[in-house]
Amino acid sequence: MFGIFFLRNCTKDRFRRNTLACLALAARSRDEMDGLLSAHSIEFEQKDAGKLVLYRCERELAHAVSAMTMKMRHGSEQRDISKQDALTIEPALAQGDDDLVGAIYSPGDQTGNCNLFASQLVKHAQRD
């Protein structure tokens, strides 16, 4: 039964709709996080390091580039980068396999220590 629900979502139209819904959710999440951090000083090792999604198969990279193009038309900041560009962004990749063919880089994505964020958020909530 659940397999049927999965297969119904495996169409180009549903992929597009679901991808755009995820982009809208991500934008809202970023706006809410920005608002929270401007109202409260929460230290959680936040970094603006960006995100690399690595590909070791040309066909999968081509599919990702197609999806990236659609996402960019709707405000997402991403770019298709070469193996060498990925190694420049993250030199530790040079120690891995040689089968990397490229990557999708999202320079605006942020990271942080989730556990530290949650514990700091609890402290702020208990003070208010």
N, C-alpha and C. Protein backbone atom coordinates (compact mmCIF):
# COMPACT_ATOMS: atom_id res chain seq x y z
N MET A 1 0.82 -1.20 0.00
CA MET A 1 0.00 0.00 0.00
C MET A 1 0.86 1.26 0.00
N PHE A 2 1.88 1.32 0.88
CA PHE A 2 2.74 2.51 0.96
C PHE A 2 3.57 2.65 -0.31
N GLY A 3 3.87 1.55 -0.96
CA GLY A 3 4.62 1.60 -2.21
C GLY A 3 3.86 2.36 -3.28
N ILE A 4 2.55 2.23 -3.28
CA ILE A 4 1.72 2.94 -4.25
C ILE A 4 1.79 4.44 -4.00
N PHE A 5 1.73 4.85 -2.72
CA PHE A 5 1.84 6.28 -2.40
C PHE A 5 3.20 6.82 -2.85
N PHE A 6 4.25 6.05 -2.63
CA PHE A 6 5.58 6.46 -3.06
C PHE A 6 5.62 6.62 -4.58
N LEU A 7 5.14 5.63 -5.30
CA LEU A 7 5.17 5.68 -6.76
C LEU A 7 4.35 6.84 -7.32
N ARG A 8 3.25 7.19 -6.66
CA ARG A 8 2.44 8.32 -7.12
C ARG A 8 3.22 9.63 -7.04
N ASN A 9 4.22 9.70 -6.17
CA ASN A 9 5.03 10.91 -6.04
C ASN A 9 6.24 10.90 -6.97
N CYS A 10 6.39 9.89 -7.77
CA CYS A 10 7.54 9.76 -8.67
C CYS A 10 7.25 10.27 -10.07
N THR A 11 6.57 11.38 -10.15
CA THR A 11 6.31 12.01 -11.45
C THR A 11 7.03 13.35 -11.49
N LYS A 12 7.25 13.86 -12.68
CA LYS A 12 7.92 15.16 -12.81
C LYS A 12 7.12 16.28 -12.15
N ASP A 13 5.81 16.25 -12.32
CA ASP A 13 4.97 17.30 -11.72
C ASP A 13 5.02 17.26 -10.20
N ARG A 14 4.93 16.08 -9.64
CA ARG A 14 4.98 15.98 -8.17
C ARG A 14 6.37 16.31 -7.64
N PHE A 15 7.41 15.90 -8.37
CA PHE A 15 8.77 16.26 -7.97
C PHE A 15 8.91 17.78 -7.91
N ARG A 16 8.44 18.44 -8.95
CA ARG A 16 8.52 19.91 -9.00
C ARG A 16 7.74 20.52 -7.85
N ARG A 17 6.50 20.08 -7.65
CA ARG A 17 5.66 20.63 -6.58
C ARG A 17 6.30 20.40 -5.21
N ASN A 18 6.79 19.18 -4.96
CA ASN A 18 7.39 18.88 -3.66
C ASN A 18 8.69 19.66 -3.46
N THR A 19 9.48 19.80 -4.52
CA THR A 19 10.72 20.57 -4.42
C THR A 19 10.43 22.03 -4.09
N LEU A 20 9.45 22.61 -4.76
CA LEU A 20 9.10 24.00 -4.49
C LEU A 20 8.54 24.17 -3.08
N ALA A 21 7.80 23.19 -2.59
CA ALA A 21 7.30 23.25 -1.21
C ALA A 21 8.46 23.20 -0.23
N CYS A 22 9.46 22.37 -0.51
CA CYS A 22 10.64 22.30 0.36
C CYS A 22 11.42 23.61 0.34
N LEU A 23 11.53 24.23 -0.84
CA LEU A 23 12.22 25.52 -0.93
C LEU A 23 11.48 26.59 -0.13
N ALA A 24 10.16 26.59 -0.20
CA ALA A 24 9.37 27.56 0.57
C ALA A 24 9.55 27.33 2.07
N LEU A 25 9.56 26.09 2.48
CA LEU A 25 9.76 25.76 3.88
C LEU A 25 11.16 26.18 4.35
N ALA A 26 12.16 25.95 3.51
CA ALA A 26 13.53 26.35 3.86
C ALA A 26 13.65 27.87 3.99
N ALA A 27 13.01 28.60 3.09
CA ALA A 27 13.05 30.06 3.16
C ALA A 27 12.36 30.56 4.43
N ARG A 28 11.23 29.97 4.75
CA ARG A 28 10.53 30.37 5.98
C ARG A 28 11.36 30.03 7.21
N SER A 29 11.98 28.87 7.19
CA SER A 29 12.83 28.45 8.31
C SER A 29 13.99 29.42 8.50
N ARG A 30 14.62 29.81 7.39
CA ARG A 30 15.74 30.76 7.48
C ARG A 30 15.25 32.10 8.02
N ASP A 31 14.11 32.59 7.56
CA ASP A 31 13.57 33.86 8.06
C ASP A 31 13.28 33.79 9.55
N GLU A 32 12.69 32.68 9.98
CA GLU A 32 12.38 32.51 11.40
C GLU A 32 13.65 32.43 12.24
N MET A 33 14.66 31.72 11.72
CA MET A 33 15.93 31.62 12.44
C MET A 33 16.59 32.99 12.54
N ASP A 34 16.58 33.74 11.45
CA ASP A 34 17.15 35.09 11.48
C ASP A 34 16.44 35.96 12.51
N GLY A 35 15.12 35.87 12.57
CA GLY A 35 14.36 36.63 13.55
C GLY A 35 14.69 36.21 14.98
N LEU A 36 14.78 34.92 15.19
CA LEU A 36 15.11 34.41 16.52
C LEU A 36 16.49 34.89 16.97
N LEU A 37 17.46 34.80 16.06
CA LEU A 37 18.83 35.18 16.42
C LEU A 37 19.00 36.68 16.56
N SER A 38 18.17 37.47 15.89
CA SER A 38 18.26 38.91 16.08
C SER A 38 17.62 39.32 17.41
N ALA A 39 16.67 38.55 17.89
CA ALA A 39 16.00 38.85 19.16
C ALA A 39 16.75 38.28 20.37
N HIS A 40 17.51 37.21 20.16
CA HIS A 40 18.19 36.54 21.26
C HIS A 40 19.63 36.20 20.85
N SER A 41 20.53 36.43 21.77
CA SER A 41 21.93 36.08 21.52
C SER A 41 22.12 34.60 21.84
N ILE A 42 22.15 33.78 20.82
CA ILE A 42 22.30 32.34 21.00
C ILE A 42 23.58 31.92 20.28
N GLU A 43 24.53 31.42 21.03
CA GLU A 43 25.79 30.96 20.48
C GLU A 43 25.71 29.45 20.27
N PHE A 44 25.90 29.01 19.02
CA PHE A 44 25.83 27.57 18.74
C PHE A 44 26.78 27.17 17.61
N GLU A 45 27.91 27.88 17.55
CA GLU A 45 28.94 27.57 16.56
C GLU A 45 28.41 27.69 15.13
N GLN A 46 27.60 28.70 14.90
CA GLN A 46 27.00 28.92 13.58
C GLN A 46 28.08 29.32 12.58
N LYS A 47 28.03 28.72 11.41
CA LYS A 47 28.99 29.01 10.35
C LYS A 47 28.25 29.20 9.03
N ASP A 48 28.73 30.11 8.23
CA ASP A 48 28.21 30.32 6.89
C ASP A 48 29.12 29.60 5.90
N ALA A 49 29.25 28.31 6.08
CA ALA A 49 30.22 27.52 5.30
C ALA A 49 29.67 27.05 3.96
N GLY A 50 28.37 27.12 3.76
CA GLY A 50 27.79 26.59 2.55
C GLY A 50 27.61 25.08 2.64
N LYS A 51 27.08 24.52 1.57
CA LYS A 51 26.84 23.08 1.55
C LYS A 51 27.28 22.52 0.21
N LEU A 52 28.00 21.41 0.28
CA LEU A 52 28.41 20.68 -0.92
C LEU A 52 27.64 19.37 -0.98
N VAL A 53 27.05 19.09 -2.12
CA VAL A 53 26.45 17.77 -2.37
C VAL A 53 27.31 17.15 -3.46
N LEU A 54 27.98 16.06 -3.11
CA LEU A 54 28.96 15.44 -4.00
C LEU A 54 28.32 14.37 -4.88
N TYR A 55 28.86 14.26 -6.09
CA TYR A 55 28.35 13.26 -7.04
C TYR A 55 29.51 12.47 -7.61
N ARG A 56 29.30 11.17 -7.71
CA ARG A 56 30.31 10.26 -8.25
C ARG A 56 29.83 9.59 -9.54
N CYS A 57 28.70 10.05 -10.04
CA CYS A 57 28.09 9.49 -11.25
C CYS A 57 27.64 10.65 -12.13
N GLU A 58 28.10 10.66 -13.37
CA GLU A 58 27.76 11.75 -14.30
C GLU A 58 26.24 11.88 -14.50
N ARG A 59 25.56 10.75 -14.59
CA ARG A 59 24.11 10.78 -14.80
C ARG A 59 23.39 11.41 -13.61
N GLU A 60 23.79 11.07 -12.40
CA GLU A 60 23.18 11.65 -11.21
C GLU A 60 23.49 13.14 -11.10
N LEU A 61 24.71 13.53 -11.47
CA LEU A 61 25.07 14.95 -11.46
C LEU A 61 24.22 15.71 -12.46
N ALA A 62 24.02 15.15 -13.65
CA ALA A 62 23.20 15.81 -14.66
C ALA A 62 21.76 16.00 -14.16
N HIS A 63 21.22 14.99 -13.48
CA HIS A 63 19.87 15.11 -12.92
C HIS A 63 19.85 16.20 -11.84
N ALA A 64 20.88 16.25 -11.00
CA ALA A 64 20.96 17.26 -9.94
C ALA A 64 21.07 18.67 -10.53
N VAL A 65 21.82 18.80 -11.61
CA VAL A 65 21.95 20.10 -12.28
C VAL A 65 20.60 20.55 -12.83
N SER A 66 19.84 19.62 -13.38
CA SER A 66 18.51 19.94 -13.88
C SER A 66 17.61 20.43 -12.75
N ALA A 67 17.64 19.73 -11.62
CA ALA A 67 16.84 20.14 -10.46
C ALA A 67 17.34 21.47 -9.91
N MET A 68 18.66 21.66 -9.91
CA MET A 68 19.26 22.91 -9.42
C MET A 68 18.78 24.09 -10.26
N THR A 69 18.70 23.90 -11.56
CA THR A 69 18.25 24.97 -12.46
C THR A 69 16.83 25.39 -12.12
N MET A 70 15.97 24.42 -11.86
CA MET A 70 14.60 24.73 -11.48
C MET A 70 14.57 25.46 -10.14
N LYS A 71 15.38 25.01 -9.19
CA LYS A 71 15.42 25.65 -7.87
C LYS A 71 15.92 27.09 -7.98
N MET A 72 16.91 27.32 -8.83
CA MET A 72 17.46 28.67 -8.99
C MET A 72 16.42 29.62 -9.56
N ARG A 73 15.56 29.14 -10.44
CA ARG A 73 14.49 29.98 -10.99
C ARG A 73 13.51 30.41 -9.90
N HIS A 74 13.55 29.73 -8.76
CA HIS A 74 12.65 30.05 -7.64
C HIS A 74 13.40 30.57 -6.43
N GLY A 75 14.59 31.14 -6.66
CA GLY A 75 15.29 31.86 -5.60
C GLY A 75 16.39 31.14 -4.88
N SER A 76 16.62 29.89 -5.17
CA SER A 76 17.68 29.15 -4.49
C SER A 76 19.04 29.55 -5.06
N GLU A 77 20.02 29.71 -4.20
CA GLU A 77 21.37 30.06 -4.63
C GLU A 77 22.21 28.78 -4.64
N GLN A 78 22.47 28.27 -5.81
CA GLN A 78 23.25 27.05 -5.98
C GLN A 78 24.06 27.16 -7.26
N ARG A 79 25.11 26.36 -7.34
CA ARG A 79 25.84 26.28 -8.60
C ARG A 79 26.49 24.92 -8.75
N ASP A 80 26.61 24.53 -9.99
CA ASP A 80 27.26 23.28 -10.39
C ASP A 80 28.76 23.56 -10.40
N ILE A 81 29.53 22.75 -9.67
CA ILE A 81 30.97 22.99 -9.64
C ILE A 81 31.73 21.71 -10.02
N SER A 82 32.94 21.91 -10.47
CA SER A 82 33.79 20.79 -10.88
C SER A 82 34.39 20.10 -9.66
N LYS A 83 35.00 18.97 -9.91
CA LYS A 83 35.72 18.25 -8.86
C LYS A 83 36.80 19.15 -8.26
N GLN A 84 37.54 19.85 -9.11
CA GLN A 84 38.61 20.72 -8.61
C GLN A 84 38.07 21.85 -7.74
N ASP A 85 36.94 22.43 -8.14
CA ASP A 85 36.32 23.48 -7.33
C ASP A 85 35.88 22.93 -5.97
N ALA A 86 35.34 21.71 -5.96
CA ALA A 86 34.93 21.08 -4.70
C ALA A 86 36.14 20.86 -3.80
N LEU A 87 37.26 20.45 -4.38
CA LEU A 87 38.49 20.25 -3.60
C LEU A 87 39.02 21.57 -3.06
N THR A 88 38.83 22.65 -3.80
CA THR A 88 39.25 23.97 -3.32
C THR A 88 38.40 24.40 -2.12
N ILE A 89 37.10 24.15 -2.20
CA ILE A 89 36.20 24.50 -1.10
C ILE A 89 36.45 23.62 0.11
N GLU A 90 36.66 22.33 -0.12
CA GLU A 90 36.88 21.38 0.98
C GLU A 90 38.09 20.51 0.67
N PRO A 91 39.29 20.97 1.07
CA PRO A 91 40.52 20.25 0.76
C PRO A 91 40.58 18.82 1.31
N ALA A 92 39.84 18.53 2.37
CA ALA A 92 39.86 17.18 2.94
C ALA A 92 39.32 16.14 1.96
N LEU A 93 38.58 16.56 0.96
CA LEU A 93 38.07 15.62 -0.05
C LEU A 93 39.19 14.96 -0.83
N ALA A 94 40.36 15.58 -0.87
CA ALA A 94 41.49 15.02 -1.61
C ALA A 94 41.94 13.69 -1.03
N GLN A 95 41.61 13.43 0.22
CA GLN A 95 41.99 12.18 0.87
C GLN A 95 41.01 11.05 0.56
N GLY A 96 39.92 11.37 -0.13
CA GLY A 96 38.90 10.37 -0.41
C GLY A 96 39.10 9.69 -1.74
N ASP A 97 38.04 9.10 -2.21
CA ASP A 97 38.06 8.39 -3.48
C ASP A 97 38.30 9.35 -4.64
N ASP A 98 38.86 8.82 -5.70
CA ASP A 98 39.11 9.62 -6.89
C ASP A 98 37.94 9.65 -7.85
N ASP A 99 36.81 9.05 -7.49
CA ASP A 99 35.70 8.95 -8.44
C ASP A 99 34.71 10.12 -8.37
N LEU A 100 35.05 11.19 -7.69
CA LEU A 100 34.21 12.37 -7.62
C LEU A 100 34.15 13.02 -9.00
N VAL A 101 32.93 13.29 -9.51
CA VAL A 101 32.80 13.90 -10.83
C VAL A 101 32.38 15.36 -10.76
N GLY A 102 31.83 15.78 -9.65
CA GLY A 102 31.40 17.16 -9.49
C GLY A 102 30.53 17.31 -8.26
N ALA A 103 29.97 18.51 -8.10
CA ALA A 103 29.16 18.78 -6.91
C ALA A 103 28.18 19.91 -7.20
N ILE A 104 27.20 20.00 -6.34
CA ILE A 104 26.31 21.16 -6.31
C ILE A 104 26.67 21.90 -5.03
N TYR A 105 26.97 23.19 -5.18
CA TYR A 105 27.39 24.01 -4.04
C TYR A 105 26.33 25.05 -3.74
N SER A 106 25.93 25.12 -2.49
CA SER A 106 24.96 26.12 -2.03
C SER A 106 25.69 27.02 -1.04
N PRO A 107 26.26 28.13 -1.51
CA PRO A 107 27.12 28.96 -0.66
C PRO A 107 26.41 29.63 0.51
N GLY A 108 25.11 29.83 0.42
CA GLY A 108 24.39 30.52 1.49
C GLY A 108 23.93 29.63 2.63
N ASP A 109 24.11 28.33 2.52
CA ASP A 109 23.65 27.43 3.58
C ASP A 109 24.53 27.55 4.81
N GLN A 110 23.89 27.41 5.96
CA GLN A 110 24.58 27.56 7.23
C GLN A 110 24.55 26.26 8.02
N THR A 111 25.49 26.14 8.93
CA THR A 111 25.54 24.99 9.83
C THR A 111 25.71 25.48 11.26
N GLY A 112 25.53 24.59 12.19
CA GLY A 112 25.73 24.91 13.60
C GLY A 112 25.66 23.64 14.43
N ASN A 113 25.96 23.79 15.68
CA ASN A 113 25.92 22.68 16.62
C ASN A 113 24.48 22.57 17.14
N CYS A 114 23.76 21.56 16.65
CA CYS A 114 22.33 21.42 16.99
C CYS A 114 22.10 21.24 18.48
N ASN A 115 22.92 20.42 19.11
CA ASN A 115 22.75 20.18 20.55
C ASN A 115 22.97 21.46 21.34
N LEU A 116 24.00 22.21 20.98
CA LEU A 116 24.29 23.47 21.66
C LEU A 116 23.16 24.47 21.41
N PHE A 117 22.65 24.52 20.19
CA PHE A 117 21.53 25.41 19.88
C PHE A 117 20.32 25.08 20.76
N ALA A 118 19.98 23.80 20.83
CA ALA A 118 18.81 23.39 21.62
C ALA A 118 18.98 23.74 23.10
N SER A 119 20.17 23.49 23.64
CA SER A 119 20.38 23.78 25.06
C SER A 119 20.36 25.29 25.32
N GLN A 120 20.91 26.08 24.40
CA GLN A 120 20.87 27.54 24.56
C GLN A 120 19.43 28.06 24.42
N LEU A 121 18.66 27.46 23.52
CA LEU A 121 17.27 27.86 23.33
C LEU A 121 16.45 27.57 24.59
N VAL A 122 16.69 26.44 25.22
CA VAL A 122 16.00 26.11 26.47
C VAL A 122 16.34 27.15 27.55
N LYS A 123 17.61 27.52 27.66
CA LYS A 123 18.01 28.53 28.65
C LYS A 123 17.29 29.86 28.41
N HIS A 124 17.19 30.27 27.16
CA HIS A 124 16.47 31.52 26.86
C HIS A 124 15.00 31.39 27.17
N ALA A 125 14.41 30.25 26.87
CA ALA A 125 12.98 30.05 27.15
C ALA A 125 12.71 30.06 28.66
N GLN A 126 13.63 29.52 29.44
CA GLN A 126 13.43 29.49 30.89
C GLN A 126 13.59 30.88 31.52
N ARG A 127 14.36 31.77 30.89
CA ARG A 127 14.54 33.13 31.38
C ARG A 127 13.35 34.01 31.08
N ASP A 128 12.68 33.75 29.98
CA ASP A 128 11.55 34.61 29.55
C ASP A 128 10.27 34.30 30.26
